[in-house]
PDB file of N, CA and C in Angstrom:
ATOM      1  N   TRP A   1      42.431  -1.416 -69.861  1.00  0.00           N
ATOM      2  CA  TRP A   1      42.611  -1.864 -68.478  1.00  0.00           C
ATOM      3  C   TRP A   1      41.750  -1.059 -67.520  1.00  0.00           C
ATOM      4  N   SER A   2      40.889  -0.221 -68.057  1.00  0.00           N
ATOM      5  CA  SER A   2      40.050   0.629 -67.213  1.00  0.00           C
ATOM      6  C   SER A   2      39.154  -0.212 -66.319  1.00  0.00           C
ATOM      7  N   GLY A   3      39.236   0.053 -65.023  1.00  0.00           N
ATOM      8  CA  GLY A   3      38.388  -0.649 -64.069  1.00  0.00           C
ATOM      9  C   GLY A   3      38.809  -2.079 -63.805  1.00  0.00           C
ATOM     10  N   PHE A   4      40.038  -2.431 -64.199  1.00  0.00           N
ATOM     11  CA  PHE A   4      40.497  -3.813 -64.036  1.00  0.00           C
ATOM     12  C   PHE A   4      40.551  -4.234 -62.578  1.00  0.00           C
ATOM     13  N   THR A   5      40.923  -3.302 -61.694  1.00  0.00           N
ATOM     14  CA  THR A   5      41.066  -3.648 -60.286  1.00  0.00           C
ATOM     15  C   THR A   5      39.744  -3.558 -59.542  1.00  0.00           C
ATOM     16  N   GLN A   6      38.680  -3.118 -60.222  1.00  0.00           N
ATOM     17  CA  GLN A   6      37.381  -2.972 -59.566  1.00  0.00           C
ATOM     18  C   GLN A   6      36.536  -4.218 -59.815  1.00  0.00           C
ATOM     19  N   GLY A   7      36.189  -4.928 -58.735  1.00  0.00           N
ATOM     20  CA  GLY A   7      35.368  -6.132 -58.871  1.00  0.00           C
ATOM     21  C   GLY A   7      36.053  -7.169 -59.730  1.00  0.00           C
ATOM     22  N   VAL A   8      37.348  -7.318 -59.550  1.00  0.00           N
ATOM     23  CA  VAL A   8      38.142  -8.184 -60.415  1.00  0.00           C
ATOM     24  C   VAL A   8      37.741  -9.650 -60.303  1.00  0.00           C
ATOM     25  N   GLY A   9      37.089 -10.009 -59.195  1.00  0.00           N
ATOM     26  CA  GLY A   9      36.662 -11.395 -59.022  1.00  0.00           C
ATOM     27  C   GLY A   9      35.261 -11.645 -59.546  1.00  0.00           C
ATOM     28  N   ASN A  10      34.651 -10.611 -60.133  1.00  0.00           N
ATOM     29  CA  ASN A  10      33.282 -10.707 -60.616  1.00  0.00           C
ATOM     30  C   ASN A  10      33.260 -11.188 -62.065  1.00  0.00           C
ATOM     31  N   PRO A  11      32.498 -12.222 -62.382  1.00  0.00           N
ATOM     32  CA  PRO A  11      32.415 -12.740 -63.757  1.00  0.00           C
ATOM     33  C   PRO A  11      32.048 -11.668 -64.766  1.00  0.00           C
ATOM     34  N   VAL A  12      31.183 -10.727 -64.366  1.00  0.00           N
ATOM     35  CA  VAL A  12      30.786  -9.639 -65.260  1.00  0.00           C
ATOM     36  C   VAL A  12      31.992  -8.772 -65.591  1.00  0.00           C
ATOM     37  N   SER A  13      32.821  -8.509 -64.600  1.00  0.00           N
ATOM     38  CA  SER A  13      34.022  -7.714 -64.813  1.00  0.00           C
ATOM     39  C   SER A  13      34.975  -8.438 -65.754  1.00  0.00           C
ATOM     40  N   CYS A  14      35.005  -9.761 -65.663  1.00  0.00           N
ATOM     41  CA  CYS A  14      35.871 -10.551 -66.542  1.00  0.00           C
ATOM     42  C   CYS A  14      35.478 -10.316 -67.990  1.00  0.00           C
ATOM     43  N   VAL A  15      34.187 -10.320 -68.257  1.00  0.00           N
ATOM     44  CA  VAL A  15      33.693 -10.107 -69.617  1.00  0.00           C
ATOM     45  C   VAL A  15      34.007  -8.689 -70.080  1.00  0.00           C
ATOM     46  N   ARG A  16      33.794  -7.725 -69.220  1.00  0.00           N
ATOM     47  CA  ARG A  16      34.045  -6.329 -69.568  1.00  0.00           C
ATOM     48  C   ARG A  16      35.522  -6.065 -69.819  1.00  0.00           C
ATOM     49  N   ASN A  17      36.365  -6.841 -69.182  1.00  0.00           N
ATOM     50  CA  ASN A  17      37.810  -6.674 -69.350  1.00  0.00           C
ATOM     51  C   ASN A  17      38.366  -7.640 -70.395  1.00  0.00           C
ATOM     52  N   LYS A  18      37.532  -7.965 -71.376  1.00  0.00           N
ATOM     53  CA  LYS A  18      37.939  -8.832 -72.491  1.00  0.00           C
ATOM     54  C   LYS A  18      38.401 -10.202 -72.009  1.00  0.00           C
ATOM     55  N   GLY A  19      37.689 -10.737 -71.006  1.00  0.00           N
ATOM     56  CA  GLY A  19      37.988 -12.082 -70.537  1.00  0.00           C
ATOM     57  C   GLY A  19      39.130 -12.153 -69.549  1.00  0.00           C
ATOM     58  N   ILE A  20      39.661 -11.000 -69.155  1.00  0.00           N
ATOM     59  CA  ILE A  20      40.774 -10.998 -68.207  1.00  0.00           C
ATOM     60  C   ILE A  20      40.234 -10.941 -66.786  1.00  0.00           C
ATOM     61  N   CYS A  21      40.516 -11.957 -65.991  1.00  0.00           N
ATOM     62  CA  CYS A  21      40.076 -11.950 -64.607  1.00  0.00           C
ATOM     63  C   CYS A  21      40.990 -12.852 -63.793  1.00  0.00           C
ATOM     64  N   VAL A  22      40.856 -12.802 -62.483  1.00  0.00           N
ATOM     65  CA  VAL A  22      41.669 -13.634 -61.605  1.00  0.00           C
ATOM     66  C   VAL A  22      40.775 -14.303 -60.576  1.00  0.00           C
ATOM     67  N   PRO A  23      41.192 -15.461 -60.048  1.00  0.00           N
ATOM     68  CA  PRO A  23      40.423 -16.144 -59.007  1.00  0.00           C
ATOM     69  C   PRO A  23      40.263 -15.281 -57.761  1.00  0.00           C
ATOM     70  N   ILE A  24      39.110 -15.385 -57.114  1.00  0.00           N
ATOM     71  CA  ILE A  24      38.833 -14.596 -55.914  1.00  0.00           C
ATOM     72  C   ILE A  24      39.810 -14.949 -54.794  1.00  0.00           C
ATOM     73  N   ARG A  25      40.283 -16.175 -54.777  1.00  0.00           N
ATOM     74  CA  ARG A  25      41.153 -16.631 -53.690  1.00  0.00           C
ATOM     75  C   ARG A  25      42.583 -16.131 -53.830  1.00  0.00           C
ATOM     76  N   CYS A  26      42.907 -15.439 -54.904  1.00  0.00           N
ATOM     77  CA  CYS A  26      44.260 -14.909 -55.069  1.00  0.00           C
ATOM     78  C   CYS A  26      44.509 -13.780 -54.072  1.00  0.00           C
ATOM     79  N   PRO A  27      45.755 -13.607 -53.643  1.00  0.00           N
ATOM     80  CA  PRO A  27      46.106 -12.494 -52.757  1.00  0.00           C
ATOM     81  C   PRO A  27      45.784 -11.154 -53.408  1.00  0.00           C
ATOM     82  N   GLY A  28      45.435 -10.165 -52.599  1.00  0.00           N
ATOM     83  CA  GLY A  28      45.032  -8.856 -53.103  1.00  0.00           C
ATOM     84  C   GLY A  28      46.052  -8.218 -54.016  1.00  0.00           C
ATOM     85  N   ASN A  29      47.333  -8.292 -53.642  1.00  0.00           N
ATOM     86  CA  ASN A  29      48.357  -7.651 -54.461  1.00  0.00           C
ATOM     87  C   ASN A  29      48.486  -8.317 -55.826  1.00  0.00           C
ATOM     88  N   MET A  30      48.221  -9.624 -55.888  1.00  0.00           N
ATOM     89  CA  MET A  30      48.308 -10.326 -57.160  1.00  0.00           C
ATOM     90  C   MET A  30      47.095 -10.026 -58.021  1.00  0.00           C
ATOM     91  N   LYS A  31      45.967  -9.765 -57.370  1.00  0.00           N
ATOM     92  CA  LYS A  31      44.767  -9.378 -58.108  1.00  0.00           C
ATOM     93  C   LYS A  31      45.009  -8.067 -58.846  1.00  0.00           C
ATOM     94  N   GLN A  32      45.602  -7.116 -58.137  1.00  0.00           N
ATOM     95  CA  GLN A  32      45.774  -5.777 -58.678  1.00  0.00           C
ATOM     96  C   GLN A  32      46.640  -5.756 -59.933  1.00  0.00           C
ATOM     97  N   ILE A  33      47.661  -6.600 -59.969  1.00  0.00           N
ATOM     98  CA  ILE A  33      48.537  -6.592 -61.135  1.00  0.00           C
ATOM     99  C   ILE A  33      48.152  -7.676 -62.139  1.00  0.00           C
ATOM    100  N   GLY A  34      47.113  -8.442 -61.793  1.00  0.00           N
ATOM    101  CA  GLY A  34      46.569  -9.414 -62.740  1.00  0.00           C
ATOM    102  C   GLY A  34      47.497 -10.562 -63.074  1.00  0.00           C
ATOM    103  N   THR A  35      48.274 -11.033 -62.098  1.00  0.00           N
ATOM    104  CA  THR A  35      49.202 -12.125 -62.369  1.00  0.00           C
ATOM    105  C   THR A  35      48.668 -13.466 -61.908  1.00  0.00           C
ATOM    106  N   CYS A  36      47.507 -13.474 -61.270  1.00  0.00           N
ATOM    107  CA  CYS A  36      46.944 -14.737 -60.802  1.00  0.00           C
ATOM    108  C   CYS A  36      46.019 -15.328 -61.871  1.00  0.00           C
TER     109      CYS A  36
END
């Protein structure tokens, strides 16, 4: 989960986080916990 909250809306970050990412339009708090 290292760096999960950094650039979470970035496609590159999605790949680095094993495909885990959230839509950019999600609320900030939901981005941080990865529930969107």
